[in-house]
Structures are given as C-alpha cells and as structure tokens.
C-alpha atoms as a PDB file:
ATOM      1  CA  MET A   1       1.014  39.910  17.089  1.00  0.00           C
ATOM      2  CA  SER A   2       0.000  43.460  18.057  1.00  0.00           C
ATOM      3  CA  SER A   3       3.456  44.668  16.909  1.00  0.00           C
ATOM      4  CA  MET A   4       3.017  43.248  13.392  1.00  0.00           C
ATOM      5  CA  LYS A   5       4.073  45.705  10.684  1.00  0.00           C
ATOM      6  CA  GLN A   6       1.412  47.741   8.932  1.00  0.00           C
ATOM      7  CA  GLY A   7       0.317  46.161   5.660  1.00  0.00           C
ATOM      8  CA  TRP A   8       1.216  42.624   6.739  1.00  0.00           C
ATOM      9  CA  GLU A   9      -1.562  40.029   6.633  1.00  0.00           C
ATOM     10  CA  LEU A  10      -2.065  37.397   9.319  1.00  0.00           C
ATOM     11  CA  LYS A  11      -3.225  33.969   8.121  1.00  0.00           C
ATOM     12  CA  ASP A  12      -3.866  30.612   9.761  1.00  0.00           C
ATOM     13  CA  PHE A  13      -1.099  28.178   8.844  1.00  0.00           C
ATOM     14  CA  GLU A  14      -3.261  25.899   6.691  1.00  0.00           C
ATOM     15  CA  GLU A  15      -4.501  28.907   4.708  1.00  0.00           C
ATOM     16  CA  CYS A  16      -0.901  29.390   3.569  1.00  0.00           C
ATOM     17  CA  ILE A  17      -0.409  26.036   1.841  1.00  0.00           C
ATOM     18  CA  ASP A  18      -1.855  24.357  -1.243  1.00  0.00           C
ATOM     19  CA  ARG A  19      -2.468  20.671  -1.757  1.00  0.00           C
ATOM     20  CA  ILE A  20       0.197  18.675  -3.560  1.00  0.00           C
ATOM     21  CA  PRO A  21      -0.247  15.601  -5.786  1.00  0.00           C
ATOM     22  CA  ARG A  22      -0.336  12.342  -3.837  1.00  0.00           C
ATOM     23  CA  THR A  23       2.724  10.179  -4.497  1.00  0.00           C
ATOM     24  CA  ALA A  24       4.177   7.043  -2.922  1.00  0.00           C
ATOM     25  CA  LYS A  25       6.223   7.374   0.279  1.00  0.00           C
ATOM     26  CA  ILE A  26       9.189   5.028   0.417  1.00  0.00           C
ATOM     27  CA  PRO A  27      10.003   3.202   3.713  1.00  0.00           C
ATOM     28  CA  LYS A  28      13.536   3.820   4.938  1.00  0.00           C
ATOM     29  CA  LYS A  29      14.511   0.154   4.710  1.00  0.00           C
ATOM     30  CA  GLN A  30      13.878   0.326   0.948  1.00  0.00           C
ATOM     31  CA  PHE A  31      16.082   3.391   0.285  1.00  0.00           C
ATOM     32  CA  LEU A  32      18.783   2.824  -2.335  1.00  0.00           C
ATOM     33  CA  VAL A  33      22.380   3.954  -1.888  1.00  0.00           C
ATOM     34  CA  GLU A  34      22.453   5.020  -5.543  1.00  0.00           C
ATOM     35  CA  GLY A  35      19.627   5.729  -7.951  1.00  0.00           C
ATOM     36  CA  SER A  36      18.056   8.091 -10.453  1.00  0.00           C
ATOM     37  CA  TYR A  37      15.992  10.193  -8.038  1.00  0.00           C
ATOM     38  CA  PRO A  38      16.810  11.638  -4.596  1.00  0.00           C
ATOM     39  CA  ILE A  39      14.656  10.703  -1.588  1.00  0.00           C
ATOM     40  CA  ILE A  40      13.891  13.466   0.895  1.00  0.00           C
ATOM     41  CA  SER A  41      12.999  12.355   4.401  1.00  0.00           C
ATOM     42  CA  GLN A  42      13.048  13.950   7.859  1.00  0.00           C
ATOM     43  CA  GLU A  43      16.619  13.075   8.879  1.00  0.00           C
ATOM     44  CA  ASP A  44      19.391  15.663   9.356  1.00  0.00           C
ATOM     45  CA  SER A  45      21.119  15.076   6.024  1.00  0.00           C
ATOM     46  CA  TYR A  46      19.580  16.909   3.078  1.00  0.00           C
ATOM     47  CA  ILE A  47      19.207  13.888   0.773  1.00  0.00           C
ATOM     48  CA  ASN A  48      18.495  10.609   2.554  1.00  0.00           C
ATOM     49  CA  GLY A  49      18.569   7.987  -0.185  1.00  0.00           C
ATOM     50  CA  TYR A  50      17.732   7.289  -3.828  1.00  0.00           C
ATOM     51  CA  TRP A  51      14.990   5.650  -5.907  1.00  0.00           C
ATOM     52  CA  ASP A  52      14.619   4.426  -9.478  1.00  0.00           C
ATOM     53  CA  LYS A  53      10.858   4.395 -10.181  1.00  0.00           C
ATOM     54  CA  PRO A  54       9.789   7.550 -12.077  1.00  0.00           C
ATOM     55  CA  GLU A  55       6.103   7.009 -11.208  1.00  0.00           C
ATOM     56  CA  ASP A  56       6.914   7.829  -7.551  1.00  0.00           C
ATOM     57  CA  LEU A  57       8.565  11.169  -8.386  1.00  0.00           C
ATOM     58  CA  LEU A  58       7.057  14.350  -6.958  1.00  0.00           C
ATOM     59  CA  LYS A  59       7.397  16.981  -9.679  1.00  0.00           C
ATOM     60  CA  VAL A  60       8.306  20.393  -8.264  1.00  0.00           C
ATOM     61  CA  ASP A  61       6.926  23.147 -10.473  1.00  0.00           C
ATOM     62  CA  ARG A  62       6.718  25.510  -7.465  1.00  0.00           C
ATOM     63  CA  LEU A  63       9.290  25.498  -4.684  1.00  0.00           C
ATOM     64  CA  LEU A  64       8.229  23.865  -1.441  1.00  0.00           C
ATOM     65  CA  VAL A  65       9.294  23.119   2.136  1.00  0.00           C
ATOM     66  CA  ILE A  66       9.664  19.753   3.860  1.00  0.00           C
ATOM     67  CA  PHE A  67       8.704  19.491   7.547  1.00  0.00           C
ATOM     68  CA  GLY A  68       9.728  16.481   9.643  1.00  0.00           C
ATOM     69  CA  ASP A  69       6.672  15.564  11.696  1.00  0.00           C
ATOM     70  CA  HIS A  70       8.781  13.715  14.277  1.00  0.00           C
ATOM     71  CA  THR A  71      12.069  15.628  14.048  1.00  0.00           C
ATOM     72  CA  LYS A  72      10.824  19.183  13.252  1.00  0.00           C
ATOM     73  CA  LYS A  73      13.571  19.405  10.601  1.00  0.00           C
ATOM     74  CA  LEU A  74      12.944  21.872   7.764  1.00  0.00           C
ATOM     75  CA  LYS A  75      14.272  21.574   4.211  1.00  0.00           C
ATOM     76  CA  TYR A  76      13.864  23.926   1.252  1.00  0.00           C
ATOM     77  CA  ILE A  77      13.332  21.941  -1.967  1.00  0.00           C
ATOM     78  CA  ASP A  78      13.757  23.260  -5.503  1.00  0.00           C
ATOM     79  CA  PHE A  79      14.052  20.003  -7.480  1.00  0.00           C
ATOM     80  CA  ASP A  80      11.982  16.886  -8.282  1.00  0.00           C
ATOM     81  CA  PHE A  81      12.275  14.206  -5.592  1.00  0.00           C
ATOM     82  CA  VAL A  82      10.697  11.152  -3.948  1.00  0.00           C
ATOM     83  CA  LEU A  83       9.142  11.343  -0.493  1.00  0.00           C
ATOM     84  CA  GLY A  84      10.459   9.192   2.316  1.00  0.00           C
ATOM     85  CA  ALA A  85       7.846   7.535   4.501  1.00  0.00           C
ATOM     86  CA  ASP A  86       6.849   8.145   8.124  1.00  0.00           C
ATOM     87  CA  GLY A  87       6.399  11.730   9.190  1.00  0.00           C
ATOM     88  CA  VAL A  88       7.370  13.724   6.101  1.00  0.00           C
ATOM     89  CA  LYS A  89       5.144  16.701   5.321  1.00  0.00           C
ATOM     90  CA  ALA A  90       5.585  18.436   1.960  1.00  0.00           C
ATOM     91  CA  LEU A  91       4.343  22.028   2.304  1.00  0.00           C
ATOM     92  CA  LEU A  92       3.552  23.972  -0.873  1.00  0.00           C
ATOM     93  CA  PRO A  93       3.070  27.694  -0.097  1.00  0.00           C
ATOM     94  CA  ILE A  94       0.249  29.498  -1.872  1.00  0.00           C
ATOM     95  CA  LYS A  95       1.256  31.680  -4.817  1.00  0.00           C
ATOM     96  CA  THR A  96       1.213  34.900  -2.772  1.00  0.00           C
ATOM     97  CA  ILE A  97       3.909  33.514  -0.431  1.00  0.00           C
ATOM     98  CA  ASP A  98       7.522  33.172  -1.535  1.00  0.00           C
ATOM     99  CA  ALA A  99       8.643  29.632  -0.684  1.00  0.00           C
ATOM    100  CA  ARG A 100      11.982  30.744   0.751  1.00  0.00           C
ATOM    101  CA  PHE A 101      10.268  33.416   2.874  1.00  0.00           C
ATOM    102  CA  PHE A 102       7.920  30.684   4.122  1.00  0.00           C
ATOM    103  CA  TYR A 103      10.934  28.475   4.912  1.00  0.00           C
ATOM    104  CA  TYR A 104      12.646  31.218   6.913  1.00  0.00           C
ATOM    105  CA  GLN A 105       9.476  32.092   8.792  1.00  0.00           C
ATOM    106  CA  LEU A 106       8.896  28.459   9.799  1.00  0.00           C
ATOM    107  CA  GLN A 107      12.451  28.426  11.144  1.00  0.00           C
ATOM    108  CA  SER A 108      11.529  31.329  13.433  1.00  0.00           C
ATOM    109  CA  ILE A 109       8.670  29.347  15.039  1.00  0.00           C
ATOM    110  CA  THR A 110       9.521  27.489  18.249  1.00  0.00           C
ATOM    111  CA  LEU A 111       7.417  24.357  18.686  1.00  0.00           C
ATOM    112  CA  SER A 112       7.193  22.403  21.929  1.00  0.00           C
ATOM    113  CA  ASP A 113       9.304  19.244  21.938  1.00  0.00           C
ATOM    114  CA  LEU A 114       7.031  16.181  21.961  1.00  0.00           C
ATOM    115  CA  GLY A 115       9.862  13.671  21.614  1.00  0.00           C
ATOM    116  CA  TYR A 116       9.192  11.267  18.740  1.00  0.00           C
ATOM    117  CA  ALA A 117       5.493  12.175  18.692  1.00  0.00           C
ATOM    118  CA  ARG A 118       4.092  14.110  15.732  1.00  0.00           C
ATOM    119  CA  HIS A 119       4.545  17.906  15.746  1.00  0.00           C
ATOM    120  CA  TYR A 120       2.528  18.933  12.689  1.00  0.00           C
ATOM    121  CA  ARG A 121      -0.557  19.349  14.867  1.00  0.00           C
ATOM    122  CA  LEU A 122       1.306  22.097  16.717  1.00  0.00           C
ATOM    123  CA  LEU A 123       2.425  23.733  13.473  1.00  0.00           C
ATOM    124  CA  LYS A 124      -1.183  23.842  12.244  1.00  0.00           C
ATOM    125  CA  GLN A 125      -2.081  26.044  15.220  1.00  0.00           C
ATOM    126  CA  GLU A 126       0.379  28.764  14.208  1.00  0.00           C
ATOM    127  CA  LYS A 127      -0.348  32.079  12.500  1.00  0.00           C
ATOM    128  CA  ILE A 128       1.782  33.260   9.589  1.00  0.00           C
ATOM    129  CA  ALA A 129       2.490  36.979   9.047  1.00  0.00           C
ATOM    130  CA  ILE A 130       2.673  37.840   5.352  1.00  0.00           C
ATOM    131  CA  PRO A 131       3.906  41.098   3.795  1.00  0.00           C
ATOM    132  CA  SER A 132       3.633  41.897   0.105  1.00  0.00           C
ATOM    133  CA  LEU A 133       5.435  39.537  -2.266  1.00  0.00           C
ATOM    134  CA  GLU A 134       7.948  42.268  -3.096  1.00  0.00           C
ATOM    135  CA  GLU A 135       8.786  42.788   0.587  1.00  0.00           C
ATOM    136  CA  GLN A 136       9.053  39.021   1.084  1.00  0.00           C
ATOM    137  CA  LYS A 137      11.715  38.856  -1.628  1.00  0.00           C
ATOM    138  CA  GLN A 138      13.609  41.769  -0.051  1.00  0.00           C
ATOM    139  CA  ILE A 139      13.593  40.002   3.339  1.00  0.00           C
ATOM    140  CA  VAL A 140      14.777  36.749   1.733  1.00  0.00           C
ATOM    141  CA  ALA A 141      17.644  38.553  -0.034  1.00  0.00           C
ATOM    142  CA  LYS A 142      18.825  40.067   3.277  1.00  0.00           C
ATOM    143  CA  LEU A 143      18.597  36.737   5.109  1.00  0.00           C
ATOM    144  CA  ASP A 144      20.396  34.867   2.315  1.00  0.00           C
ATOM    145  CA  GLN A 145      23.208  37.423   2.451  1.00  0.00           C
ATOM    146  CA  ALA A 146      23.406  37.172   6.255  1.00  0.00           C
ATOM    147  CA  PHE A 147      23.688  33.382   6.118  1.00  0.00           C
ATOM    148  CA  VAL A 148      26.464  33.604   3.506  1.00  0.00           C
ATOM    149  CA  VAL A 149      28.433  35.774   5.954  1.00  0.00           C
ATOM    150  CA  ILE A 150      27.672  33.385   8.840  1.00  0.00           C
ATOM    151  CA  ASP A 151      28.729  30.326   6.817  1.00  0.00           C
ATOM    152  CA  LYS A 152      31.959  32.073   5.799  1.00  0.00           C
ATOM    153  CA  ALA A 153      32.673  32.967   9.439  1.00  0.00           C
ATOM    154  CA  ARG A 154      32.095  29.345  10.475  1.00  0.00           C
ATOM    155  CA  GLU A 155      34.395  28.134   7.712  1.00  0.00           C
ATOM    156  CA  ASN A 156      37.133  30.567   8.765  1.00  0.00           C
ATOM    157  CA  ALA A 157      36.733  29.634  12.437  1.00  0.00           C
ATOM    158  CA  SER A 158      37.052  25.949  11.558  1.00  0.00           C
ATOM    159  CA  LYS A 159      40.183  26.615   9.489  1.00  0.00           C
ATOM    160  CA  ASN A 160      41.707  28.741  12.242  1.00  0.00           C
ATOM    161  CA  LEU A 161      41.079  26.010  14.795  1.00  0.00           C
ATOM    162  CA  GLU A 162      42.679  23.396  12.543  1.00  0.00           C
ATOM    163  CA  ASN A 163      45.656  25.672  11.896  1.00  0.00           C
ATOM    164  CA  ALA A 164      46.065  26.248  15.641  1.00  0.00           C
ATOM    165  CA  LYS A 165      46.017  22.492  16.295  1.00  0.00           C
ATOM    166  CA  GLN A 166      48.622  21.889  13.605  1.00  0.00           C
ATOM    167  CA  LEU A 167      50.839  24.685  14.960  1.00  0.00           C
ATOM    168  CA  PHE A 168      50.589  23.303  18.499  1.00  0.00           C
ATOM    169  CA  GLN A 169      51.448  19.778  17.326  1.00  0.00           C
ATOM    170  CA  SER A 170      54.361  21.110  15.283  1.00  0.00           C
ATOM    171  CA  LYS A 171      55.798  23.005  18.263  1.00  0.00           C
ATOM    172  CA  LEU A 172      55.246  19.996  20.505  1.00  0.00           C
ATOM    173  CA  ASN A 173      57.136  17.727  18.104  1.00  0.00           C
ATOM    174  CA  GLU A 174      59.871  20.329  17.690  1.00  0.00           C
ATOM    175  CA  ILE A 175      60.459  20.680  21.431  1.00  0.00           C
ATOM    176  CA  PHE A 176      60.535  16.969  22.242  1.00  0.00           C
ATOM    177  CA  SER A 177      62.569  15.964  19.176  1.00  0.00           C
ATOM    178  CA  GLN A 178      65.408  18.324  20.086  1.00  0.00           C
ATOM    179  CA  LYS A 179      66.551  16.895  23.395  1.00  0.00           C
ATOM    180  CA  GLY A 180      69.036  18.870  25.471  1.00  0.00           C
ATOM    181  CA  ASP A 181      72.408  17.475  26.597  1.00  0.00           C
ATOM    182  CA  ASP A 182      71.190  17.248  30.190  1.00  0.00           C
ATOM    183  CA  TRP A 183      67.975  15.356  29.356  1.00  0.00           C
ATOM    184  CA  VAL A 184      67.693  11.850  30.858  1.00  0.00           C
ATOM    185  CA  GLU A 185      65.387   9.131  29.506  1.00  0.00           C
ATOM    186  CA  LYS A 186      63.560   7.038  32.115  1.00  0.00           C
ATOM    187  CA  LYS A 187      60.800   4.464  32.004  1.00  0.00           C
ATOM    188  CA  LEU A 188      57.409   5.563  33.292  1.00  0.00           C
ATOM    189  CA  GLY A 189      57.639   3.164  36.231  1.00  0.00           C
ATOM    190  CA  GLU A 190      60.872   4.816  37.340  1.00  0.00           C
ATOM    191  CA  ILE A 191      59.314   8.253  37.812  1.00  0.00           C
ATOM    192  CA  THR A 192      55.987   7.246  39.404  1.00  0.00           C
ATOM    193  CA  THR A 193      55.287   5.662  42.750  1.00  0.00           C
ATOM    194  CA  LYS A 194      52.122   3.918  41.562  1.00  0.00           C
ATOM    195  CA  ILE A 195      50.325   3.251  38.314  1.00  0.00           C
ATOM    196  CA  GLY A 196      46.686   2.220  38.488  1.00  0.00           C
ATOM    197  CA  SER A 197      43.160   3.029  37.436  1.00  0.00           C
ATOM    198  CA  GLY A 198      40.664   4.903  39.542  1.00  0.00           C
ATOM    199  CA  ALA A 199      37.344   3.613  40.835  1.00  0.00           C
ATOM    200  CA  THR A 200      34.031   5.199  39.921  1.00  0.00           C
ATOM    201  CA  PRO A 201      31.879   5.956  42.986  1.00  0.00           C
ATOM    202  CA  ARG A 202      28.367   4.571  43.077  1.00  0.00           C
ATOM    203  CA  GLY A 203      25.804   6.729  41.275  1.00  0.00           C
ATOM    204  CA  GLY A 204      22.093   7.367  41.743  1.00  0.00           C
ATOM    205  CA  GLN A 205      20.280   8.643  44.830  1.00  0.00           C
ATOM    206  CA  SER A 206      22.619   6.858  47.257  1.00  0.00           C
ATOM    207  CA  SER A 207      25.536   9.008  46.106  1.00  0.00           C
ATOM    208  CA  TYR A 208      24.074  12.195  47.518  1.00  0.00           C
ATOM    209  CA  LYS A 209      21.893  11.076  50.434  1.00  0.00           C
ATOM    210  CA  GLU A 210      24.529  12.190  52.924  1.00  0.00           C
ATOM    211  CA  SER A 211      26.478  14.917  51.094  1.00  0.00           C
ATOM    212  CA  GLY A 212      23.614  16.353  49.052  1.00  0.00           C
ATOM    213  CA  ILE A 213      25.868  16.432  45.975  1.00  0.00           C
ATOM    214  CA  PRO A 214      24.663  14.200  43.098  1.00  0.00           C
ATOM    215  CA  LEU A 215      27.061  12.119  41.045  1.00  0.00           C
ATOM    216  CA  ILE A 216      26.248  11.976  37.332  1.00  0.00           C
ATOM    217  CA  ARG A 217      27.784   9.216  35.259  1.00  0.00           C
ATOM    218  CA  SER A 218      27.553   8.759  31.505  1.00  0.00           C
ATOM    219  CA  LEU A 219      24.726   6.224  31.874  1.00  0.00           C
ATOM    220  CA  ASN A 220      22.611   8.858  33.662  1.00  0.00           C
ATOM    221  CA  VAL A 221      22.746  11.448  30.867  1.00  0.00           C
ATOM    222  CA  TYR A 222      20.210  11.353  28.020  1.00  0.00           C
ATOM    223  CA  ASP A 223      19.204  13.819  25.298  1.00  0.00           C
ATOM    224  CA  ASP A 224      16.196  14.959  27.336  1.00  0.00           C
ATOM    225  CA  GLY A 225      17.861  15.252  30.724  1.00  0.00           C
ATOM    226  CA  PHE A 226      19.332  13.346  33.667  1.00  0.00           C
ATOM    227  CA  LYS A 227      17.836   9.969  34.536  1.00  0.00           C
ATOM    228  CA  GLU A 228      18.337   8.133  37.817  1.00  0.00           C
ATOM    229  CA  LYS A 229      18.459   4.561  36.568  1.00  0.00           C
ATOM    230  CA  LYS A 230      16.753   2.831  39.506  1.00  0.00           C
ATOM    231  CA  THR A 231      14.009   5.347  40.255  1.00  0.00           C
ATOM    232  CA  SER A 232      13.370   6.483  36.652  1.00  0.00           C
ATOM    233  CA  ILE A 233      13.160  10.080  37.893  1.00  0.00           C
ATOM    234  CA  TYR A 234      14.209  12.679  35.311  1.00  0.00           C
ATOM    235  CA  ARG A 235      16.005  15.887  36.189  1.00  0.00           C
ATOM    236  CA  ARG A 236      16.279  18.437  33.400  1.00  0.00           C
ATOM    237  CA  CYS A 237      19.866  19.355  32.542  1.00  0.00           C
ATOM    238  CA  THR A 238      20.550  23.077  32.922  1.00  0.00           C
ATOM    239  CA  SER A 239      23.694  23.305  30.823  1.00  0.00           C
END
C-alpha cells in the first residue's frame, strides 16, 4: 500500500461498514417462484426467488453490497429485498464511502479459494483505500462508463458470431441444395470400408506408466483440477 495516492485513507474492512437491521433469512427450499418481494442470495443470478411476507423485508435507505460467503459473489443492491439464508452477507458502507465505489473496490480484491467454506473471514482481513467522496464518485462514473463500453462490445461480438453462423449455414445449404449434373448420390455404407465406434483407452495412472503421457477422460476433470479416480490424487489444471 506504499503506492497509495496522497490524500487517500486506509481503513480496516470492518471500519468501513455499518450494522444493518436484523431480518429473517429465507432457506432456499422455501423460495417462491413468484411473489411480492425479491430474494437476494449468493447464487450467480441477480434475483434468486420471491417472498410475500412484508415483515421479512430489508428496507434499503442507503445502497449496500451483498457478499456470498461461500461463493464470493458480489451484488450491488439499490432496492428493498429479502435475504436468502446460508452465507449471505449484507454490507452497508459507512456514509463517507460511496456504495458503488465500495462495490467496485471489493471486486478488485482477490480472495483465496476455500471451496464451499466461508470466505468472509478472509474479507475481514483486508484494508480498504478511501479517497474523498467527490473523488469516489468520479472514479465510479469512469468505471460505469467503461463497463457500458465493454457490455456493448460483448453484445456486438455475440451478434457478429451469430451472424457468422447464420451466413455459414446459409452458404452450406446453398451449396448442397444446388447439386451439379455430375453429382452421384450414394449411401454411406457404399463409400466407407468400415463404420464403427472407437474404444476409449484405460485412464488413470496405468495409462502413463510406460509412455509417461497421461490420459485425461471427462470423469477425471473437476472444477478444481484433475483427479485420478483410484488414487484420489489431484493435479491442478494449467489451462
């Protein structure tokens, strides 16, 4: 933090948040598909369910940030909602910290991956660098603008890819629908000597004892790396 800008203040993480009113946390199995109030939990999707009891509503008079204790997912919340249970932390920045600035800064922090264990204990160890409120708002405006450009670029890239697929399919259909006079139709069996399925070699340690080259099958690949089924040895994937 020696390179921190002049005039910025460094605070412990828990000095940067205020307490919020205690409300009920709704277990996932009780989430409604439709309801009066949105439920915010720690899953990828922004809204994770609905609820109908107004007494469980968390009133948002100051904007706040949701942190997924298990998933490390961050969500910026600017509306009243109901908390989902199990690992949802509602973080209310103190009045001298802009909530969106706080949200962006938390995104810049890289926490160790503890699997499905709780990560808030790691977040509590962090330091938060805070400029003046005016400078925070200027930073937020620049980041918001940058993300608008990024989202537009992603949208255009997605459209271009879809257009390219459609063009390829159109040309493919055009070529094979306009058969030449010298084209001959044959059954697949007439133009191949053999039709059959391949065999998958045996995986695990035995596959590379002699050659030294490991064989990885789909059952060996997990989110956290490569697992040899029999020995339970993990090898971190490098790509």
